[in-house]
Amino acid sequence: MSNLLSRLCALFKPSQSVQLVSVAAGELIPFAGLVIEGNACVDESAVSGVSTPEMVDATPGHDHVNKGGLVLEGSLKIRPLSKK
């Protein structure tokens, strides 16, 4: 399965087997998750209503991303939030 196809599948059906996903500038974040590595400017206005893009990284308090956010600059490795 191609990398692009894997990412598209994750957008529509998040899998319990997904460990880490890399998201680069211009890509949508496929699931709500925690940033494990990297830093990026992310526009979440479509999902959160916040009009100002935010910088996110692996620092506590800045490490959560929402499904559907658009990475404007930078890149991230994210892990899905566990379902409780």
Protein backbone atom coordinates (compact mmCIF):
# COMPACT_ATOMS: atom_id res chain seq x y z
CA MET A 1 0.00 0.00 0.00
CA SER A 2 1.44 3.40 -0.93
CA ASN A 3 2.26 5.98 1.74
CA LEU A 4 -0.35 8.39 0.32
CA LEU A 5 -3.02 5.68 0.32
CA SER A 6 -2.16 4.80 3.93
CA ARG A 7 -2.61 8.42 4.95
CA LEU A 8 -5.93 8.72 3.12
CA CYS A 9 -7.22 5.56 4.79
CA ALA A 10 -6.24 6.96 8.18
CA LEU A 11 -8.26 10.10 7.44
CA PHE A 12 -11.45 8.11 7.03
CA LYS A 13 -10.92 5.07 9.28
CA PRO A 14 -8.34 5.58 12.03
CA SER A 15 -6.83 2.23 12.91
CA GLN A 16 -5.84 0.99 16.33
CA SER A 17 -2.64 -0.31 14.68
CA VAL A 18 -1.44 3.19 13.67
CA GLN A 19 1.63 3.97 15.76
CA LEU A 20 3.11 7.20 14.37
CA VAL A 21 2.27 9.27 11.31
CA SER A 22 4.43 11.96 9.74
CA VAL A 23 2.59 15.07 8.55
CA ALA A 24 4.36 17.72 6.47
CA ALA A 25 3.54 21.24 5.30
CA GLY A 26 0.43 21.28 3.09
CA GLU A 27 -1.02 18.09 4.58
CA LEU A 28 -4.08 17.58 6.78
CA ILE A 29 -3.71 15.95 10.18
CA PRO A 30 -5.50 12.57 9.87
CA PHE A 31 -6.55 12.12 13.53
CA ALA A 32 -6.49 13.83 16.91
CA GLY A 33 -3.15 13.08 18.46
CA LEU A 34 -0.07 13.98 20.43
CA VAL A 35 3.03 15.46 18.83
CA ILE A 36 5.98 13.14 19.43
CA GLU A 37 8.56 14.93 17.30
CA GLY A 38 8.95 18.08 15.21
CA ASN A 39 7.31 21.49 15.24
CA ALA A 40 4.86 23.15 12.91
CA CYS A 41 2.48 26.02 12.38
CA VAL A 42 -1.00 24.45 12.22
CA ASP A 43 -4.27 26.04 11.06
CA GLU A 44 -7.16 24.39 12.92
CA SER A 45 -9.73 27.10 12.08
CA ALA A 46 -11.90 24.67 10.11
CA VAL A 47 -12.28 22.36 13.12
CA SER A 48 -11.87 24.61 16.16
CA GLY A 49 -13.01 28.05 15.00
CA VAL A 50 -9.75 29.62 16.22
CA SER A 51 -8.72 31.95 13.41
CA THR A 52 -5.02 32.24 14.31
CA PRO A 53 -2.69 29.38 13.36
CA GLU A 54 -0.82 27.87 16.32
CA MET A 55 2.72 26.61 16.74
CA VAL A 56 2.72 23.03 18.02
CA ASP A 57 5.59 20.82 19.15
CA ALA A 58 6.35 18.06 21.65
CA THR A 59 6.31 20.50 24.61
CA PRO A 60 3.52 19.79 27.14
CA GLY A 61 0.71 22.27 26.59
CA HIS A 62 1.60 22.64 22.90
CA ASP A 63 1.56 18.97 21.94
CA HIS A 64 -2.08 18.26 20.97
CA VAL A 65 -3.42 18.42 17.40
CA ASN A 66 -6.94 17.96 16.08
CA LYS A 67 -8.11 15.89 13.14
CA GLY A 68 -8.44 18.06 10.05
CA GLY A 69 -5.86 20.68 11.03
CA LEU A 70 -3.70 21.91 8.14
CA VAL A 71 0.07 22.01 8.60
CA LEU A 72 1.17 25.35 7.14
CA GLU A 73 4.92 25.14 7.89
CA GLY A 74 7.17 22.50 9.39
CA SER A 75 6.49 18.83 10.00
CA LEU A 76 5.26 16.61 12.82
CA LYS A 77 5.26 13.00 13.92
CA ILE A 78 2.04 12.32 15.78
CA ARG A 79 0.55 9.40 17.70
CA PRO A 80 -3.24 8.96 17.86
CA LEU A 81 -4.94 9.70 21.14
CA SER A 82 -6.02 6.46 22.80
CA LYS A 83 -9.75 5.80 22.95
CA LYS A 84 -10.89 5.39 26.53
